[in-house]
């Protein structure tokens, strides 16, 4: 049987896709992109309007490196499961406020290479992005290196699992960038335009913030977190120092009336220390996280034969970003338990609507995206918004505000976890293909709780050895391992 996600993963996500150009009744490329970005429930509507002849022609037109994507089989597989799935005309609104600013949806471009000039941001706004944290503006002469990017690839070349970035700040003259922001706000008054700035002295922070306010932006982000600045006293050098974070935040708050949003570095043991410093200095919100200091060793990482430490982003950093957001959301100072709450803007490894949802459920009122746009383009906004709307519709959630922070009550300390019950794995032999991966992992990395009959090639649980770690479920390539009911440990029976 065709596995739709594996097949969709083979698609090259072509620009001006030839497969769709030969299909007048539908859009195969859009359907495959929906599957890739966690919207398989909506993908059918773009494929099943195509005739059989058009699907055949789409396969023949497919650009590929080994064989065409099996578009006709994808259409057949989707027809059984989700041709009726749609986002209704009365779909829930994604509107939300951030620092009192109305936002049409929670999706923003992160301050980075994806937003360095007027034309880029305008294209993103036209595509449906709600706002931009513009590439960080400074007063220094920025000279970038070449090459400046590297990646840790996923299953195929061009699929970034992790992304290494040596880029610093905007190379444009300061006045040019503020003119760009002014023109963007004039041309797109309903979009949210936020200036990201970085100074080296008190005077520079104040001057840049005042220039941002004069340009008419909605808010100013203070970049305390860039991990690869070549000048001391800038970037994460500041973000690791709670006193400097507090001082510079206070200077800017005293100089402008627009919201002030310090951006935190993850390159620190306790992110709450600088965040609380920013809070007491009057910050309106906090952005987190910036990239993580890292090393990649391949030749792609070299500049004239030399290498250095630089920032790491992409899917691999999302759990770290979520942990930092959780730390701040649980802080009694930052969450308003004893005073005003501070708002959060989440960054780090956001590629699908489900990634964004996880940040929102931990308390973020918007999310910023960078690496996924660098890989796939601004077009991913379609799947981000449609997927989140469909999720809300399925749950009966009317407003995005209802999701903000809803998962926080489920997080406790390790001391408070249930240690008196156990859940055993359950083997579905109809779905098991007999690869033995569960046996190998359990024998060498678990608790030797699986027997494997080499004749029948079927695993069997040894209940007296099983501790319910579920490593076997994680390594199973076919999803053939489920769970039993949770029981008290003293009631466990030997399998």
Protein backbone atom coordinates (compact mmCIF):
# COMPACT_ATOMS: atom_id res chain seq x y z
CA UNK A 1 0.00 0.00 0.00
CA UNK A 2 1.26 3.49 -0.86
CA UNK A 3 2.48 5.50 2.13
CA UNK A 4 1.39 9.00 1.23
CA UNK A 5 3.88 10.81 3.46
CA UNK A 6 6.86 8.85 2.14
CA UNK A 7 5.74 9.46 -1.44
CA UNK A 8 5.09 13.16 -0.87
CA UNK A 9 8.53 13.49 0.73
CA UNK A 10 10.04 12.57 -2.66
CA UNK A 11 8.51 15.66 -4.28
CA UNK A 12 11.07 18.37 -5.08
CA UNK A 13 8.48 21.13 -4.43
CA UNK A 14 9.26 22.69 -7.79
CA UNK A 15 8.75 26.35 -8.58
CA UNK A 16 6.02 26.76 -11.21
CA UNK A 17 5.50 23.01 -10.97
CA UNK A 18 5.14 21.25 -14.36
CA UNK A 19 2.78 18.65 -12.88
CA UNK A 20 0.19 21.30 -12.06
CA UNK A 21 0.58 23.11 -15.37
CA UNK A 22 -0.77 20.08 -17.25
CA UNK A 23 -3.73 19.60 -14.89
CA UNK A 24 -6.45 22.14 -15.68
CA UNK A 25 -8.97 20.73 -13.20
CA UNK A 26 -6.73 20.56 -10.14
CA UNK A 27 -3.33 21.29 -8.64
CA UNK A 28 -1.18 18.22 -7.88
CA UNK A 29 1.77 20.27 -6.62
CA UNK A 30 -0.43 22.06 -4.10
CA UNK A 31 -1.90 18.76 -2.91
CA UNK A 32 1.53 17.22 -2.39
CA UNK A 33 2.72 20.31 -0.55
CA UNK A 34 -0.31 20.01 1.75
CA UNK A 35 0.72 16.45 2.61
CA UNK A 36 4.33 17.52 3.19
CA UNK A 37 3.24 20.23 5.63
CA UNK A 38 0.90 18.16 7.76
CA UNK A 39 -2.33 18.95 5.92
CA UNK A 40 -3.14 15.60 4.36
CA UNK A 41 -6.75 16.01 5.55
CA UNK A 42 -7.11 18.88 3.08
CA UNK A 43 -5.00 17.58 0.20
CA UNK A 44 -7.73 15.68 -1.65
CA UNK A 45 -9.54 18.76 -2.89
CA UNK A 46 -6.57 19.70 -5.10
CA UNK A 47 -6.14 16.22 -6.62
CA UNK A 48 -9.57 14.73 -7.06
CA UNK A 49 -10.81 17.37 -9.43
CA UNK A 50 -8.21 16.10 -11.92
CA UNK A 51 -9.22 13.58 -14.57
CA UNK A 52 -7.32 10.29 -14.89
CA UNK A 53 -5.75 11.59 -18.06
CA UNK A 54 -4.54 14.72 -16.30
CA UNK A 55 -3.07 12.68 -13.43
CA UNK A 56 -1.18 10.53 -15.94
CA UNK A 57 0.10 13.65 -17.67
CA UNK A 58 1.11 15.14 -14.32
CA UNK A 59 3.23 12.09 -13.53
CA UNK A 60 4.91 12.28 -16.92
CA UNK A 61 5.66 15.97 -16.35
CA UNK A 62 7.10 15.38 -12.86
CA UNK A 63 10.68 16.58 -12.39
CA UNK A 64 12.51 13.94 -10.38
CA UNK A 65 15.90 12.45 -9.56
CA UNK A 66 14.96 8.76 -9.90
CA UNK A 67 11.28 8.20 -10.72
CA UNK A 68 8.17 10.41 -10.89
CA UNK A 69 6.03 10.93 -7.80
CA UNK A 70 3.11 8.49 -8.04
CA UNK A 71 0.50 11.22 -8.30
CA UNK A 72 -2.33 8.97 -9.50
CA UNK A 73 -1.85 6.58 -6.57
CA UNK A 74 -1.74 9.54 -4.16
CA UNK A 75 -5.09 10.69 -5.53
CA UNK A 76 -6.54 7.22 -5.08
CA UNK A 77 -5.24 6.92 -1.51
CA UNK A 78 -6.58 10.32 -0.53
CA UNK A 79 -10.00 9.65 -2.03
CA UNK A 80 -10.70 6.94 0.53
CA UNK A 81 -9.77 9.07 3.49
CA UNK A 82 -10.21 12.78 3.13
CA UNK A 83 -11.89 14.10 0.00
CA UNK A 84 -14.61 15.62 2.17
CA UNK A 85 -12.23 17.44 4.50
CA UNK A 86 -12.34 21.19 4.01
CA UNK A 87 -11.93 24.40 5.89
CA UNK A 88 -15.44 25.85 5.92
CA UNK A 89 -16.24 29.34 4.67
CA UNK A 90 -17.04 30.17 8.29
CA UNK A 91 -13.67 28.87 9.50
CA UNK A 92 -12.40 30.20 12.82
CA UNK A 93 -10.53 33.49 12.67
CA UNK A 94 -6.79 33.43 13.32
CA UNK A 95 -6.83 37.06 14.44
CA UNK A 96 -5.01 37.80 17.68
CA UNK A 97 -3.43 40.80 19.39
CA UNK A 98 0.24 41.11 20.27
CA UNK A 99 1.33 43.96 22.54
CA UNK A 100 -2.07 45.47 21.81
CA UNK A 101 -1.43 45.37 18.05
CA UNK A 102 -4.11 43.62 15.94
CA UNK A 103 -2.64 40.76 13.87
CA UNK A 104 -4.59 38.96 11.13
CA UNK A 105 -2.87 35.70 12.08
CA UNK A 106 0.01 34.67 14.37
CA UNK A 107 2.57 34.05 11.61
CA UNK A 108 5.51 36.47 11.28
CA UNK A 109 8.81 36.45 9.41
CA UNK A 110 11.73 36.24 11.83
CA UNK A 111 14.50 38.83 11.69
CA UNK A 112 16.86 37.11 9.25
CA UNK A 113 17.80 36.63 5.60
CA UNK A 114 14.12 36.13 4.69
CA UNK A 115 13.33 39.85 5.12
CA UNK A 116 16.17 42.12 4.04
CA UNK A 117 14.50 44.55 1.60
CA UNK A 118 11.16 46.07 0.61
CA UNK A 119 10.40 43.68 -2.23
CA UNK A 120 10.88 40.56 -0.11
CA UNK A 121 8.63 41.71 2.71
CA UNK A 122 5.99 42.99 0.28
CA UNK A 123 5.89 39.56 -1.40
CA UNK A 124 5.47 37.90 2.00
CA UNK A 125 2.65 40.27 2.95
CA UNK A 126 0.90 39.60 -0.34
CA UNK A 127 1.22 35.86 0.31
CA UNK A 128 -0.57 36.20 3.66
CA UNK A 129 2.05 36.67 6.39
CA UNK A 130 0.70 38.87 9.18
CA UNK A 131 3.88 40.69 10.01
CA UNK A 132 7.64 40.95 9.96
CA UNK A 133 10.46 41.32 12.43
CA UNK A 134 12.74 43.02 9.90
CA UNK A 135 16.42 42.07 9.55
CA UNK A 136 18.34 43.60 12.47
CA UNK A 137 19.47 47.18 11.85
CA UNK A 138 22.70 48.51 13.34
CA UNK A 139 25.20 51.34 12.91
CA UNK A 140 28.22 49.14 12.21
CA UNK A 141 29.68 48.27 8.82
CA UNK A 142 28.52 44.67 8.33
CA UNK A 143 30.72 42.56 6.07
CA UNK A 144 29.43 39.05 5.56
CA UNK A 145 31.43 35.94 4.60
CA UNK A 146 30.98 33.53 1.70
CA UNK A 147 29.70 30.88 1.98
CA UNK A 148 27.69 31.68 5.10
CA UNK A 149 25.32 28.71 5.40
CA UNK A 150 25.65 24.99 6.05
CA UNK A 151 23.10 22.27 6.84
CA UNK A 152 22.67 18.93 8.55
CA UNK A 153 20.57 17.15 5.95
CA UNK A 154 17.56 14.92 6.54
CA UNK A 155 16.62 11.96 4.36
CA UNK A 156 17.68 13.62 1.14
CA UNK A 157 19.89 16.42 -0.12
CA UNK A 158 18.21 19.78 0.34
CA UNK A 159 16.10 18.65 3.30
CA UNK A 160 17.51 20.56 6.28
CA UNK A 161 17.18 18.82 9.61
CA UNK A 162 19.41 21.51 11.06
CA UNK A 163 20.70 24.72 9.51
CA UNK A 164 23.91 26.59 10.38
CA UNK A 165 23.99 30.31 9.70
CA UNK A 166 26.97 32.70 9.95
CA UNK A 167 25.03 35.74 8.76
CA UNK A 168 25.03 38.75 11.07
CA UNK A 169 22.91 41.90 10.63
CA UNK A 170 21.57 44.04 7.79
CA UNK A 171 24.21 45.19 5.32
CA UNK A 172 22.04 48.12 4.20
CA UNK A 173 22.79 51.69 5.31
CA UNK A 174 20.76 52.48 8.45
CA UNK A 175 18.72 55.22 6.80
CA UNK A 176 17.84 52.91 3.90
CA UNK A 177 16.41 50.26 6.22
CA UNK A 178 14.25 52.71 8.15
CA UNK A 179 12.97 54.14 4.86
CA UNK A 180 12.05 50.61 3.79
CA UNK A 181 10.12 50.08 7.02
CA UNK A 182 8.35 53.42 6.60
CA UNK A 183 7.29 52.54 3.06
CA UNK A 184 6.15 49.07 4.08
CA UNK A 185 3.91 50.45 6.81
CA UNK A 186 2.44 52.99 4.43
CA UNK A 187 1.78 50.42 1.71
CA UNK A 188 0.48 47.72 4.11
CA UNK A 189 -1.16 49.53 7.03
CA UNK A 190 -2.92 46.39 8.33
CA UNK A 191 0.30 44.38 8.47
CA UNK A 192 2.55 44.46 11.53
CA UNK A 193 5.99 45.96 10.88
CA UNK A 194 8.53 45.54 13.68
CA UNK A 195 12.08 46.91 13.55
CA UNK A 196 14.80 44.72 15.01
CA UNK A 197 17.77 46.79 16.21
CA UNK A 198 21.17 46.22 17.81
CA UNK A 199 23.37 48.91 19.33
CA UNK A 200 26.80 48.78 20.89
CA UNK A 201 26.36 51.64 23.36
CA UNK A 202 23.50 53.28 25.25
CA UNK A 203 23.47 56.12 22.72
CA UNK A 204 23.23 53.76 19.75
CA UNK A 205 20.34 51.78 21.27
CA UNK A 206 18.40 54.99 21.92
CA UNK A 207 19.12 56.52 18.52
CA UNK A 208 18.11 53.38 16.62
CA UNK A 209 14.91 53.01 18.64
CA UNK A 210 13.98 56.64 18.02
CA UNK A 211 14.62 56.23 14.29
CA UNK A 212 12.38 53.16 14.30
CA UNK A 213 9.56 55.04 16.00
CA UNK A 214 9.92 57.96 13.58
CA UNK A 215 9.67 55.49 10.68
CA UNK A 216 6.20 54.55 11.93
CA UNK A 217 6.82 50.91 12.87
CA UNK A 218 4.47 49.12 15.26
CA UNK A 219 7.14 47.97 17.72
CA UNK A 220 10.88 47.53 18.16
CA UNK A 221 12.73 44.29 18.89
CA UNK A 222 16.05 44.47 20.74
CA UNK A 223 18.44 41.83 19.41
CA UNK A 224 20.38 40.66 22.46
CA UNK A 225 21.04 37.26 20.98
CA UNK A 226 22.94 37.01 17.66
CA UNK A 227 25.59 34.30 18.34
CA UNK A 228 28.16 35.23 15.69
CA UNK A 229 28.85 38.96 16.04
CA UNK A 230 32.47 39.81 15.22
CA UNK A 231 32.37 42.86 17.53
CA UNK A 232 32.41 42.55 21.33
CA UNK A 233 29.58 44.02 23.34
CA UNK A 234 26.94 43.02 20.82
CA UNK A 235 24.52 40.14 20.27
CA UNK A 236 24.60 37.19 22.66
CA UNK A 237 27.46 38.86 24.58
CA UNK A 238 24.76 41.21 25.86
CA UNK A 239 22.00 38.59 26.09
CA UNK A 240 24.02 36.49 28.53
CA UNK A 241 24.31 39.45 30.91
CA UNK A 242 21.03 40.19 32.77
CA UNK A 243 22.28 43.58 33.93
CA UNK A 244 23.07 44.75 30.40
CA UNK A 245 19.75 43.40 29.11
CA UNK A 246 17.93 45.35 31.82
CA UNK A 247 19.92 48.53 31.22
CA UNK A 248 19.56 48.63 27.45
CA UNK A 249 15.87 47.72 27.67
CA UNK A 250 15.31 50.54 30.15
CA UNK A 251 17.14 53.02 27.91
CA UNK A 252 14.94 52.14 24.95
CA UNK A 253 11.71 52.11 27.01
CA UNK A 254 12.55 55.60 28.20
CA UNK A 255 13.14 56.85 24.67
CA UNK A 256 10.10 55.55 22.73
CA UNK A 257 6.38 54.98 23.22
CA UNK A 258 5.99 51.95 20.92
CA UNK A 259 6.18 48.41 22.41
CA UNK A 260 9.69 47.13 23.19
CA UNK A 261 10.47 43.42 22.66
CA UNK A 262 13.88 42.09 23.82
CA UNK A 263 15.04 38.94 21.99
CA UNK A 264 16.61 36.31 24.24
CA UNK A 265 19.58 34.06 23.54
CA UNK A 266 19.42 30.28 24.20
CA UNK A 267 23.19 30.28 24.74
CA UNK A 268 22.75 30.55 28.49
CA UNK A 269 21.93 28.16 31.33
CA UNK A 270 18.85 30.01 32.63
CA UNK A 271 16.97 32.12 30.10
CA UNK A 272 14.75 33.51 32.85
CA UNK A 273 17.55 35.61 34.33
CA UNK A 274 17.93 38.05 31.40
CA UNK A 275 14.19 37.77 30.65
CA UNK A 276 13.31 38.91 34.18
CA UNK A 277 15.84 41.71 33.83
CA UNK A 278 14.02 42.84 30.69
CA UNK A 279 10.67 42.51 32.47
CA UNK A 280 11.62 44.81 35.33
CA UNK A 281 13.05 47.28 32.81
CA UNK A 282 9.56 47.56 31.30
CA UNK A 283 9.66 45.20 28.30
CA UNK A 284 6.25 44.67 26.68
CA UNK A 285 7.03 41.21 25.27
CA UNK A 286 9.92 38.78 24.78
CA UNK A 287 11.07 36.99 21.62
CA UNK A 288 12.81 33.62 21.97
CA UNK A 289 14.90 31.93 20.81
CA UNK A 290 17.69 33.03 18.52
CA UNK A 291 20.04 30.44 17.02
CA UNK A 292 22.14 28.08 19.13
CA UNK A 293 25.92 28.22 19.02
CA UNK A 294 27.15 25.23 17.06
CA UNK A 295 29.87 23.65 14.95
CA UNK A 296 29.51 21.80 11.64
CA UNK A 297 32.57 20.05 10.22
CA UNK A 298 32.00 19.60 6.50
CA UNK A 299 33.79 21.53 3.79
CA UNK A 300 30.60 23.53 3.19
CA UNK A 301 31.27 25.12 6.59
CA UNK A 302 34.66 26.50 5.56
CA UNK A 303 35.46 30.09 4.55
CA UNK A 304 38.81 30.20 2.75
CA UNK A 305 39.73 26.98 4.53
CA UNK A 306 38.85 28.24 8.02
CA UNK A 307 35.86 27.44 10.25
CA UNK A 308 34.15 29.00 13.26
CA UNK A 309 31.30 28.68 15.74
CA UNK A 310 27.97 29.99 14.45
CA UNK A 311 24.20 29.76 14.91
CA UNK A 312 22.09 26.61 14.48
CA UNK A 313 18.38 26.57 13.63
CA UNK A 314 15.79 24.40 11.87
CA UNK A 315 13.66 21.45 13.00
CA UNK A 316 16.40 20.14 15.28
CA UNK A 317 16.18 23.10 17.67
CA UNK A 318 12.40 23.13 18.24
CA UNK A 319 12.44 21.09 21.49
CA UNK A 320 15.10 23.44 22.89
CA UNK A 321 13.09 26.49 21.87
CA UNK A 322 9.95 25.04 23.46
CA UNK A 323 11.83 24.37 26.70
CA UNK A 324 12.94 27.99 26.87
CA UNK A 325 9.41 29.23 26.18
CA UNK A 326 8.10 26.90 28.90
CA UNK A 327 10.67 28.19 31.40
CA UNK A 328 9.49 31.77 30.85
CA UNK A 329 5.80 30.87 30.76
CA UNK A 330 6.12 29.10 34.13
CA UNK A 331 8.04 31.95 35.76
CA UNK A 332 5.91 33.55 38.48
CA UNK A 333 7.48 36.88 37.61
CA UNK A 334 6.96 36.71 33.84
CA UNK A 335 3.53 35.04 33.79
CA UNK A 336 1.88 37.71 35.91
CA UNK A 337 1.28 35.66 39.06
CA UNK A 338 2.39 38.65 41.14
CA UNK A 339 2.01 41.46 38.62
CA UNK A 340 1.58 42.17 34.92
CA UNK A 341 2.15 39.22 32.53
CA UNK A 342 4.63 39.58 29.68
CA UNK A 343 3.71 38.39 26.19
CA UNK A 344 5.83 35.85 24.28
CA UNK A 345 6.82 35.51 20.63
CA UNK A 346 8.07 32.00 19.79
CA UNK A 347 10.92 31.16 17.42
CA UNK A 348 12.80 27.97 16.62
CA UNK A 349 12.20 25.09 14.21
CA UNK A 350 8.68 26.08 13.14
CA UNK A 351 7.89 24.43 9.82
CA UNK A 352 4.26 23.25 10.02
CA UNK A 353 1.07 24.56 11.62
CA UNK A 354 1.43 21.87 14.28
CA UNK A 355 4.86 23.24 15.24
CA UNK A 356 3.31 26.69 15.59
CA UNK A 357 0.44 25.29 17.63
CA UNK A 358 2.88 23.85 20.17
CA UNK A 359 4.40 27.29 20.78
CA UNK A 360 0.95 28.86 21.08
CA UNK A 361 -0.18 26.18 23.53
CA UNK A 362 2.80 27.08 25.73
CA UNK A 363 1.77 30.72 25.83
CA UNK A 364 3.06 32.45 22.64
CA UNK A 365 0.78 34.98 20.98
CA UNK A 366 2.68 34.83 17.72
CA UNK A 367 5.42 32.76 16.10
CA UNK A 368 8.34 33.73 13.88
CA UNK A 369 9.58 31.61 10.99
CA UNK A 370 12.95 31.72 9.25
CA UNK A 371 14.63 28.45 8.21
CA UNK A 372 11.45 26.90 6.76
CA UNK A 373 10.97 29.97 4.55
CA UNK A 374 14.60 29.72 3.41
CA UNK A 375 13.92 26.12 2.38
CA UNK A 376 10.44 26.33 0.93
CA UNK A 377 9.56 29.99 0.36
CA UNK A 378 6.81 32.30 1.57
CA UNK A 379 4.20 29.92 0.07
CA UNK A 380 4.19 27.81 3.25
CA UNK A 381 1.93 30.43 4.83
CA UNK A 382 -0.99 28.72 3.03
CA UNK A 383 -0.48 25.47 4.92
CA UNK A 384 0.30 27.24 8.19
CA UNK A 385 -2.99 29.14 8.17
CA UNK A 386 -5.18 26.43 6.63
CA UNK A 387 -3.85 23.75 8.95
CA UNK A 388 -4.34 25.80 12.09
CA UNK A 389 -7.86 26.82 11.01
CA UNK A 390 -8.78 23.22 10.25
CA UNK A 391 -7.48 22.10 13.65
CA UNK A 392 -9.55 24.80 15.40
CA UNK A 393 -12.59 23.87 13.35
CA UNK A 394 -12.26 20.18 14.22
CA UNK A 395 -11.97 21.00 17.92
CA UNK A 396 -14.73 23.59 17.90
CA UNK A 397 -12.35 26.39 18.95
CA UNK A 398 -13.77 29.77 17.94
CA UNK A 399 -10.82 32.07 18.69
CA UNK A 400 -7.06 31.60 18.71
CA UNK A 401 -6.88 33.15 22.18
CA UNK A 402 -8.47 29.96 23.54
CA UNK A 403 -5.35 27.99 22.60
CA UNK A 404 -2.78 30.36 24.10
CA UNK A 405 -1.16 28.61 27.06
CA UNK A 406 -3.66 25.76 27.23
CA UNK A 407 -0.98 23.07 27.67
CA UNK A 408 0.80 24.81 30.55
CA UNK A 409 -1.24 23.07 33.31
CA UNK A 410 -0.04 19.69 32.01
CA UNK A 411 3.63 20.44 32.71
CA UNK A 412 4.99 19.47 36.13
CA UNK A 413 8.41 18.83 37.64
CA UNK A 414 9.92 15.32 37.36
CA UNK A 415 9.16 14.85 41.06
CA UNK A 416 5.42 15.16 40.38
CA UNK A 417 5.24 12.55 37.59
CA UNK A 418 3.29 9.32 38.14
CA UNK A 419 5.80 6.61 39.02
CA UNK A 420 3.33 4.00 40.31
CA UNK A 421 1.80 2.84 37.02
CA UNK A 422 2.99 1.29 33.78
CA UNK A 423 1.85 1.09 30.15
CA UNK A 424 2.98 -1.95 28.17
CA UNK A 425 3.53 -1.94 24.41
CA UNK A 426 1.09 -3.92 22.28
CA UNK A 427 2.15 -5.63 19.04
CA UNK A 428 -0.26 -5.52 16.09
CA UNK A 429 0.88 -8.56 14.11
CA UNK A 430 -1.27 -7.63 11.10
CA UNK A 431 0.76 -4.45 10.59
CA UNK A 432 4.10 -5.94 11.63
CA UNK A 433 6.40 -6.66 8.66
CA UNK A 434 8.86 -8.73 10.70
CA UNK A 435 11.89 -6.47 10.43
CA UNK A 436 12.98 -7.08 14.02
CA UNK A 437 13.95 -3.47 14.72
CA UNK A 438 12.08 -3.54 18.03
CA UNK A 439 13.98 -6.66 19.11
CA UNK A 440 17.38 -5.25 18.20
CA UNK A 441 16.78 -1.95 19.99
CA UNK A 442 15.30 -3.59 23.08
CA UNK A 443 18.15 -6.09 23.34
CA UNK A 444 20.93 -3.57 22.89
CA UNK A 445 19.40 -0.34 24.17
CA UNK A 446 16.46 -1.37 26.34
CA UNK A 447 15.67 -4.08 28.88
CA UNK A 448 15.82 -7.32 26.87
CA UNK A 449 12.03 -7.59 27.01
CA UNK A 450 11.32 -8.86 23.48
CA UNK A 451 11.73 -12.33 22.01
CA UNK A 452 11.98 -12.60 18.23
CA UNK A 453 11.04 -15.83 16.48
CA UNK A 454 13.28 -15.95 13.40
CA UNK A 455 10.99 -18.49 11.71
CA UNK A 456 7.74 -16.54 11.97
CA UNK A 457 9.59 -13.21 12.28
CA UNK A 458 7.17 -12.09 14.97
CA UNK A 459 8.14 -10.25 18.19
CA UNK A 460 6.74 -11.29 21.58
CA UNK A 461 6.83 -9.26 24.77
CA UNK A 462 8.53 -10.63 27.88
CA UNK A 463 6.35 -8.91 30.46
CA UNK A 464 8.53 -9.60 33.49
CA UNK A 465 11.40 -7.67 31.86
CA UNK A 466 9.43 -4.83 30.30
CA UNK A 467 9.63 -1.49 32.10
CA UNK A 468 7.30 0.33 29.69
CA UNK A 469 9.99 2.58 28.21
CA UNK A 470 8.46 2.31 24.71
CA UNK A 471 11.74 2.46 22.79
CA UNK A 472 10.24 -0.29 20.63
CA UNK A 473 7.37 1.98 19.56
CA UNK A 474 9.76 4.74 18.57
CA UNK A 475 11.92 2.57 16.30
CA UNK A 476 9.05 0.64 14.64
CA UNK A 477 9.01 1.78 10.98
CA UNK A 478 5.39 0.70 10.33
CA UNK A 479 3.59 1.93 13.44
CA UNK A 480 2.71 -1.65 14.37
CA UNK A 481 3.30 -1.14 18.11
CA UNK A 482 0.59 0.48 20.21
CA UNK A 483 -0.15 0.56 23.92
CA UNK A 484 -2.21 -1.30 26.49
CA UNK A 485 -4.18 0.32 29.31
CA UNK A 486 -2.19 1.96 32.11
CA UNK A 487 -2.17 -0.25 35.22
CA UNK A 488 -0.73 -0.10 38.70
CA UNK A 489 2.75 -1.62 38.81
CA UNK A 490 1.82 -4.08 41.52
CA UNK A 491 -0.88 -5.51 39.22
CA UNK A 492 1.46 -6.24 36.32
CA UNK A 493 1.33 -9.76 34.95
CA UNK A 494 4.04 -11.64 33.20
CA UNK A 495 3.44 -11.94 29.47
